N, C-alpha and C. Protein backbone atom coordinates (compact mmCIF):
# COMPACT_ATOMS: atom_id res chain seq x y z
N MET A 1 0.81 -1.20 0.00
CA MET A 1 0.00 0.00 0.00
C MET A 1 0.86 1.27 0.00
N ARG A 2 1.98 1.23 0.68
CA ARG A 2 2.82 2.40 0.77
C ARG A 2 3.41 2.80 -0.60
N PRO A 3 3.93 1.90 -1.45
CA PRO A 3 4.43 2.31 -2.76
C PRO A 3 3.35 2.92 -3.64
N LEU A 4 2.13 2.43 -3.53
CA LEU A 4 1.04 3.00 -4.32
C LEU A 4 0.77 4.44 -3.90
N GLY A 5 0.82 4.73 -2.61
CA GLY A 5 0.61 6.09 -2.11
C GLY A 5 1.69 7.04 -2.60
N ILE A 6 2.93 6.55 -2.62
CA ILE A 6 4.04 7.38 -3.10
C ILE A 6 3.88 7.70 -4.58
N VAL A 7 3.49 6.71 -5.36
CA VAL A 7 3.29 6.92 -6.79
C VAL A 7 2.15 7.91 -7.03
N LEU A 8 1.09 7.80 -6.27
CA LEU A 8 -0.03 8.74 -6.43
C LEU A 8 0.37 10.15 -6.04
N LEU A 9 1.13 10.32 -4.97
CA LEU A 9 1.57 11.65 -4.57
C LEU A 9 2.51 12.26 -5.61
N LEU A 10 3.41 11.46 -6.16
CA LEU A 10 4.31 11.98 -7.18
C LEU A 10 3.58 12.38 -8.46
N SER A 11 2.60 11.60 -8.84
CA SER A 11 1.84 11.95 -10.04
C SER A 11 1.01 13.21 -9.82
N LEU A 12 0.49 13.38 -8.62
CA LEU A 12 -0.26 14.60 -8.29
C LEU A 12 0.67 15.81 -8.32
N ALA A 13 1.88 15.67 -7.78
CA ALA A 13 2.84 16.77 -7.79
C ALA A 13 3.23 17.14 -9.23
N LEU A 14 3.40 16.15 -10.09
CA LEU A 14 3.74 16.43 -11.49
C LEU A 14 2.61 17.16 -12.20
N CYS A 15 1.40 16.85 -11.86
CA CYS A 15 0.26 17.57 -12.46
C CYS A 15 0.29 19.05 -12.10
N PHE A 16 0.59 19.37 -10.84
CA PHE A 16 0.65 20.76 -10.41
C PHE A 16 1.82 21.48 -11.05
N LEU A 17 2.96 20.83 -11.20
CA LEU A 17 4.10 21.46 -11.85
C LEU A 17 3.82 21.75 -13.31
N ASP A 18 3.12 20.86 -13.97
CA ASP A 18 2.80 21.05 -15.38
C ASP A 18 1.87 22.24 -15.58
N THR A 19 0.87 22.43 -14.73
CA THR A 19 -0.05 23.55 -14.88
C THR A 19 0.63 24.86 -14.50
N ALA A 20 1.61 24.85 -13.60
CA ALA A 20 2.29 26.09 -13.23
C ALA A 20 3.17 26.58 -14.36
N GLN A 21 3.73 25.70 -15.17
CA GLN A 21 4.59 26.11 -16.26
C GLN A 21 3.82 26.45 -17.52
N ALA A 22 2.54 26.17 -17.57
CA ALA A 22 1.77 26.38 -18.79
C ALA A 22 1.43 27.85 -19.03
N SER A 23 1.66 28.73 -18.06
CA SER A 23 1.27 30.13 -18.19
C SER A 23 2.42 31.00 -18.68
N THR A 24 3.17 30.56 -19.67
CA THR A 24 4.29 31.33 -20.19
C THR A 24 3.93 32.03 -21.51
N ASP A 25 2.67 32.22 -21.78
CA ASP A 25 2.25 32.88 -23.02
C ASP A 25 2.54 34.38 -22.93
N VAL A 26 3.02 34.94 -24.02
CA VAL A 26 3.29 36.37 -24.11
C VAL A 26 2.08 37.03 -24.76
N LEU A 27 1.60 38.09 -24.12
CA LEU A 27 0.43 38.82 -24.63
C LEU A 27 0.88 40.05 -25.40
N ASP A 28 0.10 40.44 -26.38
CA ASP A 28 0.34 41.68 -27.10
C ASP A 28 -0.42 42.79 -26.40
N PRO A 29 0.20 43.95 -26.21
CA PRO A 29 -0.51 45.05 -25.54
C PRO A 29 -1.58 45.66 -26.44
N ASN A 30 -2.67 46.10 -25.83
CA ASN A 30 -3.72 46.82 -26.55
C ASN A 30 -3.34 48.29 -26.60
N CYS A 31 -3.16 48.82 -27.80
CA CYS A 31 -2.74 50.20 -27.95
C CYS A 31 -3.95 51.11 -28.14
N TYR A 32 -3.85 52.30 -27.56
CA TYR A 32 -4.92 53.29 -27.66
C TYR A 32 -4.75 54.09 -28.94
N PRO A 33 -5.83 54.39 -29.66
CA PRO A 33 -5.70 55.15 -30.90
C PRO A 33 -5.38 56.63 -30.67
N LYS A 34 -5.71 57.15 -29.49
CA LYS A 34 -5.47 58.56 -29.20
C LYS A 34 -4.06 58.76 -28.65
N PRO A 35 -3.49 59.95 -28.87
CA PRO A 35 -2.18 60.22 -28.26
C PRO A 35 -2.31 60.40 -26.75
N GLY A 36 -1.28 60.07 -26.03
CA GLY A 36 -1.32 60.17 -24.58
C GLY A 36 -1.88 58.90 -23.96
N CYS A 37 -1.67 58.76 -22.67
CA CYS A 37 -2.13 57.57 -21.95
C CYS A 37 -2.91 57.97 -20.71
N PRO A 38 -3.85 57.12 -20.29
CA PRO A 38 -4.54 57.40 -19.03
C PRO A 38 -3.58 57.22 -17.85
N ARG A 39 -3.89 57.85 -16.76
CA ARG A 39 -3.01 57.78 -15.59
C ARG A 39 -3.38 56.65 -14.64
N THR A 40 -4.08 55.68 -15.13
CA THR A 40 -4.44 54.54 -14.27
C THR A 40 -3.22 53.66 -14.05
N TYR A 41 -3.10 53.15 -12.84
CA TYR A 41 -1.97 52.29 -12.49
C TYR A 41 -2.44 50.85 -12.50
N LYS A 42 -2.16 50.18 -13.61
CA LYS A 42 -2.42 48.75 -13.77
C LYS A 42 -1.13 48.15 -14.31
N PRO A 43 -0.17 47.85 -13.43
CA PRO A 43 1.17 47.46 -13.90
C PRO A 43 1.17 46.17 -14.71
N VAL A 44 2.06 46.14 -15.69
CA VAL A 44 2.30 44.96 -16.51
C VAL A 44 3.81 44.74 -16.57
N CYS A 45 4.20 43.49 -16.64
CA CYS A 45 5.61 43.13 -16.75
C CYS A 45 5.93 42.86 -18.21
N GLY A 46 6.84 43.62 -18.77
CA GLY A 46 7.22 43.45 -20.17
C GLY A 46 8.20 42.30 -20.34
N THR A 47 8.31 41.84 -21.56
CA THR A 47 9.24 40.75 -21.86
C THR A 47 10.69 41.21 -21.75
N ASP A 48 10.91 42.51 -21.58
CA ASP A 48 12.25 43.03 -21.35
C ASP A 48 12.61 43.07 -19.87
N GLY A 49 11.70 42.60 -19.01
CA GLY A 49 11.96 42.56 -17.57
C GLY A 49 11.66 43.86 -16.85
N LYS A 50 11.07 44.82 -17.53
CA LYS A 50 10.75 46.12 -16.94
C LYS A 50 9.26 46.19 -16.63
N THR A 51 8.90 46.82 -15.50
CA THR A 51 7.51 47.01 -15.14
C THR A 51 7.01 48.33 -15.73
N TYR A 52 5.89 48.27 -16.45
CA TYR A 52 5.26 49.45 -17.03
C TYR A 52 3.99 49.74 -16.24
N SER A 53 3.66 51.03 -16.08
CA SER A 53 2.50 51.42 -15.27
C SER A 53 1.18 50.92 -15.85
N ASN A 54 1.10 50.84 -17.18
CA ASN A 54 -0.09 50.29 -17.84
C ASN A 54 0.29 49.88 -19.27
N THR A 55 -0.64 49.26 -19.95
CA THR A 55 -0.35 48.76 -21.30
C THR A 55 -0.14 49.90 -22.30
N CYS A 56 -0.76 51.03 -22.07
CA CYS A 56 -0.59 52.16 -22.98
C CYS A 56 0.86 52.65 -22.98
N LEU A 57 1.46 52.74 -21.81
CA LEU A 57 2.86 53.17 -21.75
C LEU A 57 3.78 52.15 -22.40
N LEU A 58 3.44 50.89 -22.30
CA LEU A 58 4.22 49.86 -22.98
C LEU A 58 4.09 50.02 -24.50
N CYS A 59 2.90 50.35 -24.98
CA CYS A 59 2.69 50.58 -26.42
C CYS A 59 3.53 51.75 -26.91
N HIS A 60 3.56 52.83 -26.16
CA HIS A 60 4.36 54.00 -26.56
C HIS A 60 5.84 53.67 -26.56
N GLU A 61 6.28 52.82 -25.65
CA GLU A 61 7.67 52.39 -25.65
C GLU A 61 7.97 51.55 -26.88
N ASN A 62 7.01 50.75 -27.32
CA ASN A 62 7.19 49.92 -28.51
C ASN A 62 7.36 50.76 -29.77
N LYS A 63 6.77 51.94 -29.80
CA LYS A 63 6.91 52.81 -30.98
C LYS A 63 8.34 53.32 -31.13
N LYS A 64 9.10 53.33 -30.03
CA LYS A 64 10.47 53.80 -30.05
C LYS A 64 11.48 52.69 -30.34
N ARG A 65 11.05 51.44 -30.26
CA ARG A 65 11.96 50.30 -30.36
C ARG A 65 11.85 49.58 -31.69
N PRO A 66 12.96 49.01 -32.16
CA PRO A 66 12.88 48.19 -33.37
C PRO A 66 12.25 46.82 -33.11
N VAL A 67 12.43 46.29 -31.90
CA VAL A 67 11.85 45.00 -31.53
C VAL A 67 10.79 45.26 -30.45
N PRO A 68 9.52 44.93 -30.71
CA PRO A 68 8.47 45.24 -29.75
C PRO A 68 8.57 44.39 -28.47
N VAL A 69 8.09 44.99 -27.39
CA VAL A 69 8.04 44.33 -26.09
C VAL A 69 6.63 43.80 -25.89
N GLY A 70 6.50 42.57 -25.46
CA GLY A 70 5.20 41.99 -25.16
C GLY A 70 4.94 42.02 -23.66
N ILE A 71 3.77 41.56 -23.27
CA ILE A 71 3.40 41.49 -21.87
C ILE A 71 3.69 40.08 -21.38
N GLN A 72 4.65 39.96 -20.46
CA GLN A 72 4.99 38.66 -19.91
C GLN A 72 3.96 38.22 -18.88
N LYS A 73 3.50 39.17 -18.04
CA LYS A 73 2.48 38.87 -17.06
C LYS A 73 1.80 40.15 -16.62
N ILE A 74 0.60 40.02 -16.09
CA ILE A 74 -0.12 41.16 -15.53
C ILE A 74 0.40 41.36 -14.12
N GLY A 75 0.80 42.58 -13.79
CA GLY A 75 1.37 42.87 -12.49
C GLY A 75 2.84 43.23 -12.62
N SER A 76 3.46 43.57 -11.51
CA SER A 76 4.87 43.96 -11.50
C SER A 76 5.78 42.78 -11.78
N CYS A 77 6.96 43.08 -12.28
CA CYS A 77 7.96 42.04 -12.56
C CYS A 77 8.59 41.53 -11.27
């Protein structure tokens, strides 16, 4: 009975590890058509490792760069 319990616990742990690694998708920021950005603070973590105050500021940064920055995750880096 004990080896069966160990196998079940290991398989359960592997399931949790697999779902934790599945959230590595990079999101594209939604850009505003108007110039300027709202002053709302909804931080996003860019694929460059920098925290942006909101997606609009990340979009404006992308206009200055040759390689665009995506959203790695919602929230601070």
